[in-house]
Amino acid sequence: MNDSTITLPWLVIRQDDNGNRYRVGRYATRAEAQKIADSLDTRGHKQLYWVERIGQNGSAATD
């Protein structure tokens, strides 16, 4: 399998206390993405982390 065939449809998104949103990373499975989001969330910062799936049209949709 080469890089062009790897699918990473799950995103971890961070929202800071000013409302700015950033993509933290892309992951192959929801479980993997959720694990990262949970570990970042437990650090005690004011940021909000969540998981979204990229839709077939390329846009992120909350799952």
PDB file of N, CA and C in Angstrom:
ATOM      1  N   MET A   1       0.855  -1.173   0.000  1.00  0.00           N
ATOM      2  CA  MET A   1       0.000   0.000   0.000  1.00  0.00           C
ATOM      3  C   MET A   1       0.899   1.234   0.000  1.00  0.00           C
ATOM      4  N   ASN A   2       0.620   2.193  -0.864  1.00  0.00           N
ATOM      5  CA  ASN A   2       1.395   3.425  -0.866  1.00  0.00           C
ATOM      6  C   ASN A   2       0.606   4.560  -0.230  1.00  0.00           C
ATOM      7  N   ASP A   3       1.243   5.723  -0.077  1.00  0.00           N
ATOM      8  CA  ASP A   3       0.606   6.844   0.618  1.00  0.00           C
ATOM      9  C   ASP A   3      -0.680   7.318  -0.040  1.00  0.00           C
ATOM     10  N   SER A   4      -0.818   7.166  -1.341  1.00  0.00           N
ATOM     11  CA  SER A   4      -2.017   7.664  -2.014  1.00  0.00           C
ATOM     12  C   SER A   4      -3.245   6.802  -1.752  1.00  0.00           C
ATOM     13  N   THR A   5      -3.065   5.592  -1.205  1.00  0.00           N
ATOM     14  CA  THR A   5      -4.214   4.732  -0.938  1.00  0.00           C
ATOM     15  C   THR A   5      -4.599   4.701   0.540  1.00  0.00           C
ATOM     16  N   ILE A   6      -3.845   5.366   1.397  1.00  0.00           N
ATOM     17  CA  ILE A   6      -4.150   5.387   2.825  1.00  0.00           C
ATOM     18  C   ILE A   6      -5.267   6.395   3.078  1.00  0.00           C
ATOM     19  N   THR A   7      -6.295   5.954   3.779  1.00  0.00           N
ATOM     20  CA  THR A   7      -7.424   6.815   4.087  1.00  0.00           C
ATOM     21  C   THR A   7      -7.413   7.166   5.566  1.00  0.00           C
ATOM     22  N   LEU A   8      -7.461   8.454   5.854  1.00  0.00           N
ATOM     23  CA  LEU A   8      -7.493   8.939   7.233  1.00  0.00           C
ATOM     24  C   LEU A   8      -8.704   9.852   7.388  1.00  0.00           C
ATOM     25  N   PRO A   9      -9.896   9.245   7.509  1.00  0.00           N
ATOM     26  CA  PRO A   9     -11.121  10.036   7.493  1.00  0.00           C
ATOM     27  C   PRO A   9     -11.506  10.687   8.821  1.00  0.00           C
ATOM     28  N   TRP A  10     -10.810  10.366   9.905  1.00  0.00           N
ATOM     29  CA  TRP A  10     -11.190  10.883  11.216  1.00  0.00           C
ATOM     30  C   TRP A  10     -10.278  12.016  11.641  1.00  0.00           C
ATOM     31  N   LEU A  11     -10.874  13.136  12.027  1.00  0.00           N
ATOM     32  CA  LEU A  11     -10.136  14.323  12.443  1.00  0.00           C
ATOM     33  C   LEU A  11     -10.289  14.547  13.935  1.00  0.00           C
ATOM     34  N   VAL A  12      -9.243  15.063  14.552  1.00  0.00           N
ATOM     35  CA  VAL A  12      -9.349  15.617  15.903  1.00  0.00           C
ATOM     36  C   VAL A  12      -9.266  17.134  15.732  1.00  0.00           C
ATOM     37  N   ILE A  13     -10.256  17.830  16.254  1.00  0.00           N
ATOM     38  CA  ILE A  13     -10.357  19.276  16.149  1.00  0.00           C
ATOM     39  C   ILE A  13     -10.199  19.880  17.542  1.00  0.00           C
ATOM     40  N   ARG A  14      -9.483  21.011  17.598  1.00  0.00           N
ATOM     41  CA  ARG A  14      -9.313  21.737  18.861  1.00  0.00           C
ATOM     42  C   ARG A  14      -9.913  23.126  18.697  1.00  0.00           C
ATOM     43  N   GLN A  15     -10.666  23.551  19.696  1.00  0.00           N
ATOM     44  CA  GLN A  15     -11.184  24.910  19.724  1.00  0.00           C
ATOM     45  C   GLN A  15     -10.616  25.595  20.951  1.00  0.00           C
ATOM     46  N   ASP A  16      -9.953  26.736  20.746  1.00  0.00           N
ATOM     47  CA  ASP A  16      -9.373  27.441  21.886  1.00  0.00           C
ATOM     48  C   ASP A  16     -10.414  28.340  22.540  1.00  0.00           C
ATOM     49  N   ASP A  17     -10.002  29.011  23.615  1.00  0.00           N
ATOM     50  CA  ASP A  17     -10.959  29.821  24.368  1.00  0.00           C
ATOM     51  C   ASP A  17     -11.354  31.109  23.632  1.00  0.00           C
ATOM     52  N   ASN A  18     -10.755  31.381  22.467  1.00  0.00           N
ATOM     53  CA  ASN A  18     -11.166  32.510  21.635  1.00  0.00           C
ATOM     54  C   ASN A  18     -12.095  32.079  20.493  1.00  0.00           C
ATOM     55  N   GLY A  19     -12.420  30.783  20.440  1.00  0.00           N
ATOM     56  CA  GLY A  19     -13.313  30.268  19.416  1.00  0.00           C
ATOM     57  C   GLY A  19     -12.624  29.842  18.128  1.00  0.00           C
ATOM     58  N   ASN A  20     -11.288  29.932  18.080  1.00  0.00           N
ATOM     59  CA  ASN A  20     -10.545  29.508  16.900  1.00  0.00           C
ATOM     60  C   ASN A  20     -10.450  27.989  16.870  1.00  0.00           C
ATOM     61  N   ARG A  21     -10.655  27.411  15.688  1.00  0.00           N
ATOM     62  CA  ARG A  21     -10.625  25.948  15.533  1.00  0.00           C
ATOM     63  C   ARG A  21      -9.421  25.536  14.699  1.00  0.00           C
ATOM     64  N   TYR A  22      -8.799  24.420  15.103  1.00  0.00           N
ATOM     65  CA  TYR A  22      -7.613  23.911  14.432  1.00  0.00           C
ATOM     66  C   TYR A  22      -7.712  22.402  14.291  1.00  0.00           C
ATOM     67  N   ARG A  23      -7.221  21.887  13.174  1.00  0.00           N
ATOM     68  CA  ARG A  23      -7.141  20.440  12.996  1.00  0.00           C
ATOM     69  C   ARG A  23      -5.867  19.964  13.683  1.00  0.00           C
ATOM     70  N   VAL A  24      -6.010  19.071  14.641  1.00  0.00           N
ATOM     71  CA  VAL A  24      -4.875  18.525  15.382  1.00  0.00           C
ATOM     72  C   VAL A  24      -4.228  17.396  14.597  1.00  0.00           C
ATOM     73  N   GLY A  25      -5.048  16.523  13.991  1.00  0.00           N
ATOM     74  CA  GLY A  25      -4.508  15.399  13.244  1.00  0.00           C
ATOM     75  C   GLY A  25      -5.602  14.624  12.550  1.00  0.00           C
ATOM     76  N   ARG A  26      -5.167  13.729  11.664  1.00  0.00           N
ATOM     77  CA  ARG A  26      -6.079  12.838  10.939  1.00  0.00           C
ATOM     78  C   ARG A  26      -5.726  11.406  11.299  1.00  0.00           C
ATOM     79  N   TYR A  27      -6.764  10.559  11.426  1.00  0.00           N
ATOM     80  CA  TYR A  27      -6.568   9.190  11.903  1.00  0.00           C
ATOM     81  C   TYR A  27      -7.404   8.213  11.099  1.00  0.00           C
ATOM     82  N   ALA A  28      -6.977   6.966  11.099  1.00  0.00           N
ATOM     83  CA  ALA A  28      -7.635   5.923  10.315  1.00  0.00           C
ATOM     84  C   ALA A  28      -8.935   5.450  10.948  1.00  0.00           C
ATOM     85  N   THR A  29      -9.000   5.437  12.281  1.00  0.00           N
ATOM     86  CA  THR A  29     -10.203   4.937  12.953  1.00  0.00           C
ATOM     87  C   THR A  29     -10.724   5.963  13.945  1.00  0.00           C
ATOM     88  N   ARG A  30     -12.014   5.860  14.217  1.00  0.00           N
ATOM     89  CA  ARG A  30     -12.604   6.752  15.199  1.00  0.00           C
ATOM     90  C   ARG A  30     -12.012   6.493  16.579  1.00  0.00           C
ATOM     91  N   ALA A  31     -11.773   5.228  16.903  1.00  0.00           N
ATOM     92  CA  ALA A  31     -11.214   4.885  18.214  1.00  0.00           C
ATOM     93  C   ALA A  31      -9.848   5.539  18.417  1.00  0.00           C
ATOM     94  N   GLU A  32      -9.027   5.513  17.395  1.00  0.00           N
ATOM     95  CA  GLU A  32      -7.703   6.138  17.474  1.00  0.00           C
ATOM     96  C   GLU A  32      -7.827   7.651  17.677  1.00  0.00           C
ATOM     97  N   ALA A  33      -8.700   8.284  16.905  1.00  0.00           N
ATOM     98  CA  ALA A  33      -8.912   9.726  17.022  1.00  0.00           C
ATOM     99  C   ALA A  33      -9.476  10.087  18.394  1.00  0.00           C
ATOM    100  N   GLN A  34     -10.425   9.299  18.881  1.00  0.00           N
ATOM    101  CA  GLN A  34     -11.028   9.574  20.183  1.00  0.00           C
ATOM    102  C   GLN A  34     -10.004   9.430  21.305  1.00  0.00           C
ATOM    103  N   LYS A  35      -9.116   8.464  21.189  1.00  0.00           N
ATOM    104  CA  LYS A  35      -8.069   8.263  22.185  1.00  0.00           C
ATOM    105  C   LYS A  35      -7.172   9.504  22.268  1.00  0.00           C
ATOM    106  N   ILE A  36      -6.808  10.051  21.127  1.00  0.00           N
ATOM    107  CA  ILE A  36      -5.987  11.264  21.093  1.00  0.00           C
ATOM    108  C   ILE A  36      -6.751  12.446  21.685  1.00  0.00           C
ATOM    109  N   ALA A  37      -8.003  12.620  21.274  1.00  0.00           N
ATOM    110  CA  ALA A  37      -8.819  13.724  21.789  1.00  0.00           C
ATOM    111  C   ALA A  37      -8.974  13.629  23.305  1.00  0.00           C
ATOM    112  N   ASP A  38      -9.228  12.425  23.801  1.00  0.00           N
ATOM    113  CA  ASP A  38      -9.383  12.229  25.243  1.00  0.00           C
ATOM    114  C   ASP A  38      -8.090  12.536  25.988  1.00  0.00           C
ATOM    115  N   SER A  39      -6.955  12.107  25.431  1.00  0.00           N
ATOM    116  CA  SER A  39      -5.679  12.356  26.117  1.00  0.00           C
ATOM    117  C   SER A  39      -5.354  13.840  26.136  1.00  0.00           C
ATOM    118  N   LEU A  40      -5.684  14.559  25.082  1.00  0.00           N
ATOM    119  CA  LEU A  40      -5.455  16.006  25.067  1.00  0.00           C
ATOM    120  C   LEU A  40      -6.410  16.722  26.015  1.00  0.00           C
ATOM    121  N   ASP A  41      -7.639  16.249  26.077  1.00  0.00           N
ATOM    122  CA  ASP A  41      -8.660  16.861  26.931  1.00  0.00           C
ATOM    123  C   ASP A  41      -8.316  16.740  28.417  1.00  0.00           C
ATOM    124  N   THR A  42      -7.667  15.656  28.808  1.00  0.00           N
ATOM    125  CA  THR A  42      -7.360  15.433  30.221  1.00  0.00           C
ATOM    126  C   THR A  42      -6.173  16.248  30.711  1.00  0.00           C
ATOM    127  N   ARG A  43      -5.524  16.989  29.834  1.00  0.00           N
ATOM    128  CA  ARG A  43      -4.377  17.814  30.245  1.00  0.00           C
ATOM    129  C   ARG A  43      -4.791  19.035  31.049  1.00  0.00           C
ATOM    130  N   GLY A  44      -6.082  19.340  31.069  1.00  0.00           N
ATOM    131  CA  GLY A  44      -6.585  20.405  31.919  1.00  0.00           C
ATOM    132  C   GLY A  44      -6.546  21.797  31.321  1.00  0.00           C
ATOM    133  N   HIS A  45      -6.287  21.921  30.028  1.00  0.00           N
ATOM    134  CA  HIS A  45      -6.312  23.232  29.389  1.00  0.00           C
ATOM    135  C   HIS A  45      -7.750  23.613  29.090  1.00  0.00           C
ATOM    136  N   LYS A  46      -7.964  24.864  28.718  1.00  0.00           N
ATOM    137  CA  LYS A  46      -9.314  25.341  28.447  1.00  0.00           C
ATOM    138  C   LYS A  46      -9.804  24.982  27.044  1.00  0.00           C
ATOM    139  N   GLN A  47      -8.952  24.379  26.225  1.00  0.00           N
ATOM    140  CA  GLN A  47      -9.358  24.029  24.874  1.00  0.00           C
ATOM    141  C   GLN A  47     -10.360  22.889  24.886  1.00  0.00           C
ATOM    142  N   LEU A  48     -11.174  22.863  23.849  1.00  0.00           N
ATOM    143  CA  LEU A  48     -12.163  21.817  23.659  1.00  0.00           C
ATOM    144  C   LEU A  48     -11.699  20.946  22.495  1.00  0.00           C
ATOM    145  N   TYR A  49     -11.744  19.626  22.656  1.00  0.00           N
ATOM    146  CA  TYR A  49     -11.335  18.698  21.607  1.00  0.00           C
ATOM    147  C   TYR A  49     -12.504  17.803  21.238  1.00  0.00           C
ATOM    148  N   TRP A  50     -12.657  17.505  19.950  1.00  0.00           N
ATOM    149  CA  TRP A  50     -13.681  16.570  19.512  1.00  0.00           C
ATOM    150  C   TRP A  50     -13.239  15.880  18.231  1.00  0.00           C
ATOM    151  N   VAL A  51     -13.995  14.850  17.864  1.00  0.00           N
ATOM    152  CA  VAL A  51     -13.697  14.022  16.697  1.00  0.00           C
ATOM    153  C   VAL A  51     -14.761  14.265  15.632  1.00  0.00           C
ATOM    154  N   GLU A  52     -14.318  14.420  14.389  1.00  0.00           N
ATOM    155  CA  GLU A  52     -15.216  14.543  13.243  1.00  0.00           C
ATOM    156  C   GLU A  52     -14.757  13.581  12.160  1.00  0.00           C
ATOM    157  N   ARG A  53     -15.684  13.182  11.320  1.00  0.00           N
ATOM    158  CA  ARG A  53     -15.358  12.340  10.164  1.00  0.00           C
ATOM    159  C   ARG A  53     -15.449  13.190   8.905  1.00  0.00           C
ATOM    160  N   ILE A  54     -14.479  13.029   8.027  1.00  0.00           N
ATOM    161  CA  ILE A  54     -14.511  13.721   6.753  1.00  0.00           C
ATOM    162  C   ILE A  54     -15.508  12.995   5.857  1.00  0.00           C
ATOM    163  N   GLY A  55     -16.439  13.731   5.277  1.00  0.00           N
ATOM    164  CA  GLY A  55     -17.439  13.142   4.401  1.00  0.00           C
ATOM    165  C   GLY A  55     -16.874  12.823   3.026  1.00  0.00           C
ATOM    166  N   GLN A  56     -17.656  12.194   2.192  1.00  0.00           N
ATOM    167  CA  GLN A  56     -17.221  11.821   0.848  1.00  0.00           C
ATOM    168  C   GLN A  56     -16.908  13.047  -0.001  1.00  0.00           C
ATOM    169  N   ASN A  57     -17.547  14.164   0.304  1.00  0.00           N
ATOM    170  CA  ASN A  57     -17.297  15.385  -0.461  1.00  0.00           C
ATOM    171  C   ASN A  57     -16.085  16.160   0.062  1.00  0.00           C
ATOM    172  N   GLY A  58     -15.407  15.609   1.090  1.00  0.00           N
ATOM    173  CA  GLY A  58     -14.204  16.241   1.618  1.00  0.00           C
ATOM    174  C   GLY A  58     -14.429  17.183   2.776  1.00  0.00           C
ATOM    175  N   SER A  59     -15.687  17.435   3.129  1.00  0.00           N
ATOM    176  CA  SER A  59     -15.961  18.317   4.251  1.00  0.00           C
ATOM    177  C   SER A  59     -16.116  17.515   5.524  1.00  0.00           C
ATOM    178  N   ALA A  60     -15.805  18.143   6.643  1.00  0.00           N
ATOM    179  CA  ALA A  60     -15.923  17.477   7.934  1.00  0.00           C
ATOM    180  C   ALA A  60     -17.365  17.548   8.411  1.00  0.00           C
ATOM    181  N   ALA A  61     -17.836  16.439   8.933  1.00  0.00           N
ATOM    182  CA  ALA A  61     -19.187  16.369   9.479  1.00  0.00           C
ATOM    183  C   ALA A  61     -19.099  15.731  10.852  1.00  0.00           C
ATOM    184  N   THR A  62     -19.686  16.359  11.863  1.00  0.00           N
ATOM    185  CA  THR A  62     -19.662  15.808  13.205  1.00  0.00           C
ATOM    186  C   THR A  62     -20.387  14.477  13.202  1.00  0.00           C
ATOM    187  N   ASP A  63     -19.749  13.495  13.807  1.00  0.00           N
ATOM    188  CA  ASP A  63     -20.331  12.149  13.825  1.00  0.00           C
ATOM    189  C   ASP A  63     -20.922  11.848  15.168  1.00  0.00           C
TER     190      ASP A  63
END
